[in-house]
């Protein structure tokens, strides 16, 4: 039987097969957090005029090809530059025995992430769910996403976040910390900033 006389169903199946082969060339990536090239800092204020920079040494996370993003923060890895203060933050404020992690999750656009070309960036606002010591809060965050060489992603805050400790039920713990340290005041507002690099996991 010649191609000219073959049934329409065969021709339709042939085009579907060709189309599937072409579509299979599109690569959708998952991304894993590069912990060495990522950082998360927060700034605290005390005694009305003293500000201090703090960080977390252990982060992990991923972005799926569907755009679902998650970052886990090991609260035991808090670094305030003073050992006794680290201990107090871990035990009194974060209560790491019960709540070892803080998490940030949000839904981005996977198609947009995959379509980015190397060196291209875009900025967008997202609703991020932040879970800390058993309390969840939805915060609006503005980020800039850049596609890196090798298919990775660099995610940075377009502007720092201001988070109130009281909104996560930490006010009493912060007050306890203030009394132990003998300080006149500790501001419940902290300023958070991060730079996150995700490597492509094709």
N, C-alpha and C. Protein backbone atom coordinates (compact mmCIF):
# COMPACT_ATOMS: atom_id res chain seq x y z
N UNK A 1 0.85 -1.20 0.00
CA UNK A 1 0.00 0.00 0.00
C UNK A 1 0.88 1.24 0.00
N UNK A 2 0.65 2.17 -0.85
CA UNK A 2 1.45 3.40 -0.93
C UNK A 2 1.04 4.34 0.18
N UNK A 3 1.94 5.31 0.50
CA UNK A 3 1.66 6.34 1.52
C UNK A 3 0.42 7.11 1.14
N UNK A 4 0.20 7.32 -0.18
CA UNK A 4 -0.92 8.12 -0.66
C UNK A 4 -2.26 7.45 -0.30
N UNK A 5 -2.26 6.11 -0.21
CA UNK A 5 -3.52 5.41 0.03
C UNK A 5 -3.69 4.94 1.48
N UNK A 6 -2.73 5.31 2.34
CA UNK A 6 -2.83 4.87 3.72
C UNK A 6 -3.96 5.61 4.42
N UNK A 7 -4.61 4.97 5.40
CA UNK A 7 -5.74 5.57 6.09
C UNK A 7 -5.33 6.83 6.86
N UNK A 8 -6.32 7.72 7.03
CA UNK A 8 -6.07 8.98 7.71
C UNK A 8 -5.58 8.76 9.14
N UNK A 9 -6.06 7.69 9.78
CA UNK A 9 -5.67 7.43 11.16
C UNK A 9 -4.16 7.18 11.26
N UNK A 10 -3.59 6.53 10.22
CA UNK A 10 -2.14 6.27 10.22
C UNK A 10 -1.37 7.57 10.10
N UNK A 11 -1.84 8.44 9.21
CA UNK A 11 -1.16 9.73 8.99
C UNK A 11 -1.24 10.57 10.27
N UNK A 12 -2.41 10.56 10.91
CA UNK A 12 -2.56 11.33 12.15
C UNK A 12 -1.61 10.82 13.22
N UNK A 13 -1.49 9.49 13.31
CA UNK A 13 -0.60 8.91 14.31
C UNK A 13 0.85 9.27 14.03
N UNK A 14 1.20 9.34 12.73
CA UNK A 14 2.57 9.69 12.35
C UNK A 14 2.91 11.10 12.81
N UNK A 15 1.98 12.06 12.59
CA UNK A 15 2.23 13.44 13.00
C UNK A 15 2.29 13.55 14.52
N UNK A 16 1.47 12.80 15.22
CA UNK A 16 1.52 12.83 16.69
C UNK A 16 2.87 12.32 17.18
N UNK A 17 3.36 11.27 16.53
CA UNK A 17 4.65 10.71 16.92
C UNK A 17 5.77 11.71 16.70
N UNK A 18 5.75 12.38 15.56
CA UNK A 18 6.78 13.39 15.26
C UNK A 18 6.71 14.53 16.27
N UNK A 19 5.48 14.95 16.56
CA UNK A 19 5.31 16.04 17.53
C UNK A 19 5.83 15.67 18.90
N UNK A 20 5.61 14.42 19.31
CA UNK A 20 6.10 13.97 20.61
C UNK A 20 7.62 13.96 20.65
N UNK A 21 8.24 13.59 19.54
CA UNK A 21 9.70 13.58 19.48
C UNK A 21 10.25 14.98 19.61
N UNK A 22 9.60 15.95 18.98
CA UNK A 22 10.07 17.34 19.05
C UNK A 22 9.89 17.89 20.45
N UNK A 23 8.76 17.59 21.08
CA UNK A 23 8.50 18.11 22.42
C UNK A 23 9.46 17.52 23.44
N UNK A 24 9.93 16.30 23.16
CA UNK A 24 10.82 15.66 24.12
C UNK A 24 12.17 16.35 24.20
N UNK A 25 12.47 17.23 23.24
CA UNK A 25 13.72 17.96 23.27
C UNK A 25 13.70 19.11 24.26
N UNK A 26 12.52 19.51 24.77
CA UNK A 26 12.42 20.57 25.75
C UNK A 26 12.79 20.02 27.11
N UNK A 27 13.78 20.62 27.77
CA UNK A 27 14.28 20.11 29.04
C UNK A 27 13.67 20.92 30.18
N UNK A 28 13.03 20.22 31.10
CA UNK A 28 12.49 20.86 32.29
C UNK A 28 13.37 20.46 33.48
N UNK A 29 13.77 21.46 34.24
CA UNK A 29 14.76 21.23 35.29
C UNK A 29 14.14 21.28 36.68
N UNK A 30 14.76 20.53 37.57
CA UNK A 30 14.60 20.76 39.00
C UNK A 30 15.87 21.47 39.45
N UNK A 31 15.77 22.22 40.53
CA UNK A 31 16.93 22.95 41.03
C UNK A 31 17.12 22.63 42.52
N UNK A 32 18.40 22.46 42.90
CA UNK A 32 18.75 22.18 44.30
C UNK A 32 19.58 23.34 44.84
N UNK A 33 19.33 23.68 46.10
CA UNK A 33 20.03 24.81 46.70
C UNK A 33 21.52 24.52 46.82
N UNK A 34 22.32 25.46 46.36
CA UNK A 34 23.77 25.40 46.53
C UNK A 34 24.08 26.09 47.85
N UNK A 35 24.35 25.30 48.88
CA UNK A 35 24.48 25.86 50.23
C UNK A 35 25.71 26.74 50.37
N UNK A 36 26.78 26.44 49.62
CA UNK A 36 28.00 27.23 49.74
C UNK A 36 27.84 28.63 49.18
N UNK A 37 26.97 28.77 48.19
CA UNK A 37 26.79 30.08 47.54
C UNK A 37 25.47 30.75 47.93
N UNK A 38 24.88 30.32 49.03
CA UNK A 38 23.62 30.88 49.49
C UNK A 38 23.78 31.42 50.90
N UNK A 39 23.00 32.43 51.23
CA UNK A 39 23.08 33.00 52.57
C UNK A 39 21.75 33.61 52.97
N UNK A 40 21.48 33.61 54.27
CA UNK A 40 20.30 34.24 54.82
C UNK A 40 20.71 34.97 56.09
N UNK A 41 20.46 36.27 56.11
CA UNK A 41 20.85 37.12 57.24
C UNK A 41 19.62 37.79 57.84
N UNK A 42 19.74 38.14 59.12
CA UNK A 42 18.73 39.00 59.72
C UNK A 42 19.40 39.98 60.67
N UNK A 43 18.84 41.17 60.75
CA UNK A 43 19.40 42.24 61.56
C UNK A 43 18.46 42.51 62.73
N UNK A 44 19.02 42.48 63.95
CA UNK A 44 18.25 42.79 65.15
C UNK A 44 18.70 44.13 65.71
N UNK A 45 17.81 44.75 66.48
CA UNK A 45 18.13 46.03 67.12
C UNK A 45 17.82 45.94 68.60
N UNK A 46 18.72 46.50 69.41
CA UNK A 46 18.52 46.49 70.86
C UNK A 46 18.99 47.81 71.45
N UNK A 47 18.54 48.08 72.66
CA UNK A 47 18.94 49.29 73.39
C UNK A 47 18.78 50.54 72.53
N UNK A 48 17.74 50.55 71.71
CA UNK A 48 17.32 51.70 70.90
C UNK A 48 18.24 52.01 69.73
N UNK A 49 19.56 51.76 69.84
CA UNK A 49 20.44 52.24 68.79
C UNK A 49 21.48 51.23 68.33
N UNK A 50 21.45 50.00 68.85
CA UNK A 50 22.46 49.01 68.51
C UNK A 50 21.86 47.97 67.57
N UNK A 51 22.44 47.83 66.39
CA UNK A 51 21.98 46.83 65.42
C UNK A 51 23.05 45.77 65.24
N UNK A 52 22.62 44.52 65.08
CA UNK A 52 23.57 43.40 64.95
C UNK A 52 23.15 42.48 63.81
N UNK A 53 24.16 41.98 63.10
CA UNK A 53 23.94 41.10 61.96
C UNK A 53 24.04 39.65 62.41
N UNK A 54 23.03 38.87 62.08
CA UNK A 54 22.98 37.44 62.43
C UNK A 54 22.75 36.63 61.16
N UNK A 55 23.08 35.35 61.22
CA UNK A 55 22.90 34.51 60.03
C UNK A 55 22.63 33.07 60.45
N UNK A 56 22.33 32.24 59.44
CA UNK A 56 22.16 30.80 59.63
C UNK A 56 23.15 30.09 58.72
N UNK A 57 23.88 29.14 59.29
CA UNK A 57 24.94 28.47 58.53
C UNK A 57 24.42 27.31 57.69
N UNK A 58 23.25 26.75 58.05
CA UNK A 58 22.77 25.56 57.36
C UNK A 58 21.41 25.81 56.72
N UNK A 59 21.41 25.80 55.40
CA UNK A 59 20.20 25.95 54.60
C UNK A 59 20.09 24.78 53.64
N UNK A 60 18.88 24.42 53.29
CA UNK A 60 18.66 23.43 52.24
C UNK A 60 17.38 23.81 51.51
N UNK A 61 17.22 23.30 50.30
CA UNK A 61 16.00 23.66 49.58
C UNK A 61 16.03 23.21 48.13
N UNK A 62 14.93 23.48 47.46
CA UNK A 62 14.79 23.07 46.07
C UNK A 62 13.68 23.87 45.40
N UNK A 63 13.72 23.87 44.07
CA UNK A 63 12.62 24.38 43.25
C UNK A 63 12.28 23.29 42.25
N UNK A 64 11.03 22.86 42.20
CA UNK A 64 10.62 21.84 41.25
C UNK A 64 10.37 22.43 39.88
N UNK A 65 10.29 21.58 38.87
CA UNK A 65 10.03 22.09 37.53
C UNK A 65 8.63 22.67 37.41
N UNK A 66 7.78 22.43 38.42
CA UNK A 66 6.46 23.04 38.45
C UNK A 66 6.49 24.42 39.13
N UNK A 67 7.69 24.84 39.59
CA UNK A 67 7.83 26.15 40.21
C UNK A 67 7.63 26.17 41.71
N UNK A 68 7.36 25.01 42.31
CA UNK A 68 7.17 24.95 43.75
C UNK A 68 8.53 25.07 44.43
N UNK A 69 8.68 26.10 45.29
CA UNK A 69 9.97 26.38 45.92
C UNK A 69 9.88 26.17 47.43
N UNK A 70 10.95 25.65 48.01
CA UNK A 70 11.02 25.44 49.45
C UNK A 70 12.45 25.64 49.93
N UNK A 71 12.57 26.35 51.05
CA UNK A 71 13.87 26.51 51.71
C UNK A 71 13.69 26.15 53.18
N UNK A 72 14.55 25.26 53.67
CA UNK A 72 14.56 24.87 55.08
C UNK A 72 15.75 25.53 55.76
N UNK A 73 15.50 26.10 56.95
CA UNK A 73 16.53 26.79 57.71
C UNK A 73 16.75 26.02 59.01
N UNK A 74 17.96 25.55 59.23
CA UNK A 74 18.28 24.87 60.49
C UNK A 74 18.48 25.93 61.57
N UNK A 75 17.53 25.99 62.50
CA UNK A 75 17.60 27.03 63.54
C UNK A 75 18.76 26.78 64.51
N UNK A 76 19.23 25.55 64.60
CA UNK A 76 20.38 25.25 65.45
C UNK A 76 21.66 25.88 64.91
N UNK A 77 21.65 26.26 63.64
CA UNK A 77 22.85 26.82 63.01
C UNK A 77 22.92 28.34 63.12
N UNK A 78 22.07 28.93 63.97
CA UNK A 78 22.07 30.39 64.11
C UNK A 78 23.44 30.87 64.56
N UNK A 79 23.88 31.98 63.97
CA UNK A 79 25.19 32.54 64.29
C UNK A 79 25.03 34.03 64.60
N UNK A 80 25.16 34.37 65.87
CA UNK A 80 25.06 35.76 66.31
C UNK A 80 26.43 36.35 66.62
N UNK A 81 27.48 35.54 66.42
CA UNK A 81 28.87 35.93 66.67
C UNK A 81 29.26 35.83 68.15
N UNK A 82 28.31 35.43 69.01
CA UNK A 82 28.60 35.25 70.44
C UNK A 82 28.00 33.91 70.87
N UNK A 83 28.83 33.02 71.41
CA UNK A 83 28.40 31.66 71.71
C UNK A 83 27.23 31.60 72.68
N UNK A 84 27.30 32.35 73.77
CA UNK A 84 26.22 32.29 74.76
C UNK A 84 24.92 32.82 74.17
N UNK A 85 25.02 33.80 73.29
CA UNK A 85 23.81 34.33 72.64
C UNK A 85 23.24 33.32 71.65
N UNK A 86 24.13 32.60 70.96
CA UNK A 86 23.65 31.51 70.09
C UNK A 86 22.85 30.50 70.89
N UNK A 87 23.39 30.13 72.06
CA UNK A 87 22.72 29.14 72.91
C UNK A 87 21.35 29.65 73.36
N UNK A 88 21.28 30.91 73.74
CA UNK A 88 20.01 31.46 74.19
C UNK A 88 18.99 31.55 73.05
N UNK A 89 19.46 31.90 71.88
CA UNK A 89 18.56 31.94 70.72
C UNK A 89 18.02 30.55 70.42
N UNK A 90 18.90 29.55 70.46
CA UNK A 90 18.47 28.19 70.15
C UNK A 90 17.46 27.67 71.17
N UNK A 91 17.77 27.90 72.47
CA UNK A 91 16.96 27.28 73.53
C UNK A 91 15.74 28.10 73.92
N UNK A 92 15.88 29.42 74.00
CA UNK A 92 14.80 30.26 74.50
C UNK A 92 13.88 30.75 73.38
N UNK A 93 14.47 31.30 72.33
CA UNK A 93 13.66 31.91 71.27
C UNK A 93 13.16 30.87 70.29
N UNK A 94 14.06 30.10 69.70
CA UNK A 94 13.66 29.14 68.66
C UNK A 94 13.15 27.82 69.23
N UNK A 95 13.60 27.44 70.43
CA UNK A 95 13.20 26.17 71.05
C UNK A 95 13.41 25.00 70.08
N UNK A 96 14.68 24.82 69.72
CA UNK A 96 15.02 23.92 68.61
C UNK A 96 14.73 22.45 68.91
N UNK A 97 14.64 22.07 70.17
CA UNK A 97 14.32 20.68 70.48
C UNK A 97 12.95 20.30 69.92
N UNK A 98 12.02 21.26 69.98
CA UNK A 98 10.67 21.02 69.46
C UNK A 98 10.52 21.49 68.02
N UNK A 99 11.19 22.60 67.70
CA UNK A 99 11.04 23.22 66.37
C UNK A 99 12.42 23.40 65.73
N UNK A 100 12.98 22.35 65.15
CA UNK A 100 14.35 22.45 64.62
C UNK A 100 14.49 23.26 63.34
N UNK A 101 13.38 23.41 62.61
CA UNK A 101 13.46 24.08 61.30
C UNK A 101 12.49 25.24 61.19
N UNK A 102 12.89 26.23 60.42
CA UNK A 102 11.96 27.21 59.88
C UNK A 102 11.90 26.94 58.38
N UNK A 103 10.74 27.13 57.76
CA UNK A 103 10.61 26.85 56.34
C UNK A 103 9.96 28.01 55.60
N UNK A 104 10.39 28.19 54.38
CA UNK A 104 9.78 29.16 53.47
C UNK A 104 9.32 28.39 52.23
N UNK A 105 8.05 28.48 51.89
CA UNK A 105 7.54 27.82 50.69
C UNK A 105 6.74 28.81 49.87
N UNK A 106 6.80 28.66 48.55
CA UNK A 106 5.98 29.51 47.68
C UNK A 106 5.86 28.86 46.31
N UNK A 107 4.82 29.24 45.61
CA UNK A 107 4.56 28.73 44.27
C UNK A 107 4.96 29.78 43.25
N UNK A 108 5.94 29.44 42.40
CA UNK A 108 6.34 30.31 41.31
C UNK A 108 5.85 29.70 40.00
N UNK A 109 6.26 30.30 38.88
CA UNK A 109 5.84 29.83 37.57
C UNK A 109 6.95 28.97 36.96
N UNK A 110 6.75 27.64 36.98
CA UNK A 110 7.77 26.74 36.47
C UNK A 110 8.09 26.96 35.00
N UNK A 111 7.08 27.22 34.18
CA UNK A 111 7.31 27.44 32.76
C UNK A 111 8.20 28.66 32.54
N UNK A 112 7.96 29.69 33.33
CA UNK A 112 8.76 30.91 33.19
C UNK A 112 10.21 30.67 33.59
N UNK A 113 10.41 29.90 34.65
CA UNK A 113 11.77 29.59 35.09
C UNK A 113 12.51 28.79 34.03
N UNK A 114 11.84 27.79 33.46
CA UNK A 114 12.47 26.95 32.45
C UNK A 114 12.75 27.70 31.16
N UNK A 115 11.93 28.71 30.86
CA UNK A 115 12.09 29.44 29.60
C UNK A 115 13.17 30.50 29.65
N UNK A 116 13.64 30.84 30.85
CA UNK A 116 14.69 31.86 30.97
C UNK A 116 15.95 31.43 30.24
N UNK A 117 16.57 32.39 29.56
CA UNK A 117 17.85 32.14 28.91
C UNK A 117 18.97 32.60 29.84
N UNK A 118 20.15 32.04 29.64
CA UNK A 118 21.30 32.38 30.46
C UNK A 118 21.53 33.90 30.49
N UNK A 119 21.61 34.45 31.68
CA UNK A 119 21.84 35.88 31.84
C UNK A 119 20.57 36.71 31.93
N UNK A 120 19.42 36.11 31.60
CA UNK A 120 18.15 36.83 31.69
C UNK A 120 17.64 36.86 33.13
N UNK A 121 16.90 37.93 33.46
CA UNK A 121 16.32 38.08 34.80
C UNK A 121 14.88 38.52 34.69
N UNK A 122 14.13 38.27 35.74
CA UNK A 122 12.82 38.88 35.88
C UNK A 122 12.55 39.11 37.37
N UNK A 123 11.69 40.04 37.67
CA UNK A 123 11.31 40.31 39.06
C UNK A 123 9.82 40.06 39.21
N UNK A 124 9.43 39.62 40.38
CA UNK A 124 8.02 39.33 40.62
C UNK A 124 7.74 39.34 42.12
N UNK A 125 6.47 39.49 42.45
CA UNK A 125 6.02 39.42 43.84
C UNK A 125 5.32 38.09 44.06
N UNK A 126 5.60 37.47 45.19
CA UNK A 126 5.00 36.18 45.51
C UNK A 126 4.47 36.19 46.94
N UNK A 127 3.51 35.32 47.18
CA UNK A 127 3.02 35.08 48.53
C UNK A 127 3.80 33.90 49.09
N UNK A 128 4.63 34.16 50.08
CA UNK A 128 5.46 33.11 50.66
C UNK A 128 4.91 32.71 52.02
N UNK A 129 4.80 31.40 52.24
CA UNK A 129 4.39 30.91 53.54
C UNK A 129 5.63 30.68 54.39
N UNK A 130 5.70 31.36 55.51
CA UNK A 130 6.84 31.22 56.43
C UNK A 130 6.35 30.50 57.67
N UNK A 131 7.01 29.39 57.99
CA UNK A 131 6.65 28.60 59.17
C UNK A 131 7.80 28.68 60.17
N UNK A 132 7.48 29.17 61.37
CA UNK A 132 8.49 29.34 62.41
C UNK A 132 7.88 29.03 63.77
N UNK A 133 8.47 28.11 64.46
CA UNK A 133 8.07 27.69 65.81
C UNK A 133 6.57 27.40 65.92
N UNK A 134 6.07 26.66 64.94
CA UNK A 134 4.70 26.20 64.97
C UNK A 134 3.67 27.20 64.47
N UNK A 135 4.12 28.35 64.00
CA UNK A 135 3.21 29.37 63.48
C UNK A 135 3.50 29.62 62.01
N UNK A 136 2.44 29.72 61.20
CA UNK A 136 2.57 30.00 59.78
C UNK A 136 2.03 31.40 59.48
N UNK A 137 2.78 32.14 58.69
CA UNK A 137 2.36 33.46 58.23
C UNK A 137 2.62 33.56 56.73
N UNK A 138 1.69 34.18 56.01
CA UNK A 138 1.88 34.43 54.58
C UNK A 138 2.40 35.85 54.42
N UNK A 139 3.58 35.97 53.81
CA UNK A 139 4.23 37.26 53.63
C UNK A 139 4.41 37.54 52.14
N UNK A 140 4.20 38.76 51.73
CA UNK A 140 4.48 39.16 50.36
C UNK A 140 5.95 39.48 50.21
N UNK A 141 6.61 38.83 49.25
CA UNK A 141 8.02 39.10 49.03
C UNK A 141 8.25 39.43 47.56
N UNK A 142 9.22 40.30 47.32
CA UNK A 142 9.62 40.70 45.97
C UNK A 142 11.01 40.14 45.70
N UNK A 143 11.13 39.34 44.65
CA UNK A 143 12.41 38.72 44.33
C UNK A 143 12.82 39.00 42.90
N UNK A 144 14.13 38.91 42.65
CA UNK A 144 14.69 38.97 41.31
C UNK A 144 15.33 37.62 41.02
N UNK A 145 14.95 37.00 39.91
CA UNK A 145 15.44 35.68 39.53
C UNK A 145 16.29 35.82 38.27
N UNK A 146 17.51 35.25 38.30
CA UNK A 146 18.43 35.32 37.16
C UNK A 146 18.86 33.91 36.78
N UNK A 147 18.83 33.60 35.49
CA UNK A 147 19.30 32.29 35.01
C UNK A 147 20.83 32.34 34.91
N UNK A 148 21.50 31.38 35.51
CA UNK A 148 22.95 31.33 35.55
C UNK A 148 23.50 30.39 34.48
N UNK A 149 24.79 30.49 34.27
CA UNK A 149 25.46 29.56 33.36
C UNK A 149 25.30 28.14 33.89
N UNK A 150 24.95 27.22 33.03
CA UNK A 150 24.73 25.85 33.44
C UNK A 150 23.29 25.56 33.84
N UNK A 151 22.43 26.59 33.73
CA UNK A 151 21.02 26.37 33.98
C UNK A 151 20.55 26.64 35.39
N UNK A 152 21.45 27.08 36.26
CA UNK A 152 21.07 27.38 37.63
C UNK A 152 20.27 28.67 37.74
N UNK A 153 19.79 28.93 38.95
CA UNK A 153 18.99 30.13 39.22
C UNK A 153 19.57 30.86 40.42
N UNK A 154 19.64 32.18 40.32
CA UNK A 154 20.01 33.03 41.45
C UNK A 154 18.77 33.80 41.86
N UNK A 155 18.37 33.65 43.13
CA UNK A 155 17.17 34.29 43.65
C UNK A 155 17.58 35.24 44.78
N UNK A 156 17.29 36.52 44.61
CA UNK A 156 17.63 37.51 45.63
C UNK A 156 16.39 38.35 45.93
N UNK A 157 16.34 38.88 47.13
CA UNK A 157 15.25 39.78 47.48
C UNK A 157 15.45 41.12 46.79
N UNK A 158 14.38 41.63 46.20
CA UNK A 158 14.45 42.96 45.61
C UNK A 158 14.51 44.03 46.68
N UNK A 159 13.93 43.74 47.83
CA UNK A 159 14.02 44.62 49.00
C UNK A 159 13.90 43.75 50.24
N UNK A 160 14.61 44.12 51.32
CA UNK A 160 14.59 43.29 52.52
C UNK A 160 13.19 43.16 53.12
N UNK A 161 13.01 42.08 53.86
CA UNK A 161 11.76 41.85 54.57
C UNK A 161 11.85 42.38 56.00
N UNK A 162 10.76 42.90 56.50
CA UNK A 162 10.66 43.25 57.91
C UNK A 162 9.67 42.27 58.54
N UNK A 163 10.16 41.48 59.49
CA UNK A 163 9.33 40.47 60.14
C UNK A 163 9.22 40.80 61.63
N UNK A 164 8.00 40.78 62.13
CA UNK A 164 7.76 41.05 63.53
C UNK A 164 7.74 39.74 64.31
N UNK A 165 8.60 39.63 65.31
CA UNK A 165 8.69 38.40 66.09
C UNK A 165 7.38 38.06 66.77
N UNK A 166 6.63 39.08 67.15
CA UNK A 166 5.37 38.84 67.84
C UNK A 166 4.37 38.11 66.97
N UNK A 167 4.43 38.31 65.66
CA UNK A 167 3.49 37.65 64.75
C UNK A 167 3.72 36.14 64.68
N UNK A 168 4.88 35.68 65.15
CA UNK A 168 5.17 34.25 65.22
C UNK A 168 5.14 33.73 66.66
N UNK A 169 4.57 34.53 67.55
CA UNK A 169 4.45 34.10 68.93
C UNK A 169 5.75 34.11 69.71
N UNK A 170 6.71 34.95 69.30
CA UNK A 170 8.02 34.96 69.93
C UNK A 170 8.22 36.11 70.92
N UNK A 171 7.21 36.95 71.11
CA UNK A 171 7.38 38.15 71.93
C UNK A 171 7.80 37.82 73.35
N UNK A 172 7.17 36.82 73.97
CA UNK A 172 7.51 36.46 75.34
C UNK A 172 8.94 35.94 75.44
N UNK A 173 9.35 35.18 74.44
CA UNK A 173 10.71 34.65 74.43
C UNK A 173 11.74 35.77 74.26
N UNK A 174 11.42 36.73 73.41
CA UNK A 174 12.32 37.88 73.22
C UNK A 174 12.41 38.68 74.52
N UNK A 175 11.29 38.84 75.21
CA UNK A 175 11.30 39.55 76.49
C UNK A 175 12.14 38.80 77.52
N UNK A 176 12.04 37.49 77.54
CA UNK A 176 12.86 36.68 78.45
C UNK A 176 14.34 36.86 78.13
N UNK A 177 14.65 36.89 76.84
CA UNK A 177 16.03 37.11 76.42
C UNK A 177 16.53 38.48 76.88
N UNK A 178 15.67 39.48 76.76
CA UNK A 178 16.05 40.84 77.18
C UNK A 178 16.36 40.87 78.68
N UNK A 179 15.54 40.21 79.48
CA UNK A 179 15.75 40.21 80.93
C UNK A 179 17.05 39.50 81.31
N UNK A 180 17.32 38.36 80.67
CA UNK A 180 18.54 37.63 80.96
C UNK A 180 19.78 38.45 80.60
N UNK A 181 19.71 39.14 79.45
CA UNK A 181 20.85 39.93 78.99
C UNK A 181 20.95 41.28 79.68
N UNK A 182 19.92 41.67 80.44
CA UNK A 182 19.94 42.95 81.14
C UNK A 182 19.90 44.15 80.22
N UNK A 183 19.14 44.01 79.14
CA UNK A 183 19.05 45.09 78.15
C UNK A 183 17.82 45.96 78.42
N UNK A 184 17.90 47.25 78.08
CA UNK A 184 16.72 48.10 78.25
C UNK A 184 15.61 47.77 77.25
N UNK A 185 15.96 47.25 76.08
CA UNK A 185 14.94 46.92 75.07
C UNK A 185 15.53 46.04 73.98
N UNK A 186 14.66 45.26 73.37
CA UNK A 186 14.98 44.53 72.13
C UNK A 186 13.81 44.75 71.18
N UNK A 187 14.10 45.23 69.99
CA UNK A 187 13.06 45.49 69.01
C UNK A 187 12.51 44.18 68.47
N UNK A 188 11.19 44.03 68.46
CA UNK A 188 10.58 42.81 67.92
C UNK A 188 10.68 42.71 66.40
N UNK A 189 10.95 43.82 65.73
CA UNK A 189 11.09 43.80 64.28
C UNK A 189 12.51 43.40 63.89
N UNK A 190 12.63 42.44 62.97
CA UNK A 190 13.93 42.07 62.43
C UNK A 190 13.90 42.24 60.91
N UNK A 191 15.04 42.60 60.35
CA UNK A 191 15.17 42.80 58.91
C UNK A 191 15.85 41.57 58.32
N UNK A 192 15.22 40.96 57.33
CA UNK A 192 15.71 39.71 56.74
C UNK A 192 16.12 39.95 55.29
N UNK A 193 17.25 39.36 54.90
CA UNK A 193 17.70 39.44 53.52
C UNK A 193 18.32 38.09 53.15
N UNK A 194 18.21 37.70 51.88
CA UNK A 194 18.83 36.44 51.47
C UNK A 194 19.29 36.50 50.02
N UNK A 195 20.28 35.66 49.75
CA UNK A 195 20.75 35.38 48.39
C UNK A 195 20.80 33.87 48.26
N UNK A 196 20.05 33.31 47.32
CA UNK A 196 19.92 31.87 47.18
C UNK A 196 20.31 31.44 45.77
N UNK A 197 21.27 30.53 45.68
CA UNK A 197 21.64 29.97 44.39
C UNK A 197 21.16 28.54 44.30
N UNK A 198 20.44 28.25 43.22
CA UNK A 198 19.95 26.90 42.98
C UNK A 198 20.63 26.35 41.73
N UNK A 199 21.21 25.17 41.85
CA UNK A 199 21.87 24.53 40.70
C UNK A 199 20.89 23.61 39.99
N UNK A 200 20.99 23.58 38.68
CA UNK A 200 20.09 22.74 37.88
C UNK A 200 20.36 21.27 38.14
N UNK A 201 19.30 20.49 38.28
CA UNK A 201 19.39 19.06 38.51
C UNK A 201 18.59 18.38 37.42
N UNK A 202 19.10 18.41 36.19
CA UNK A 202 18.36 17.92 35.02
C UNK A 202 18.23 16.40 35.03
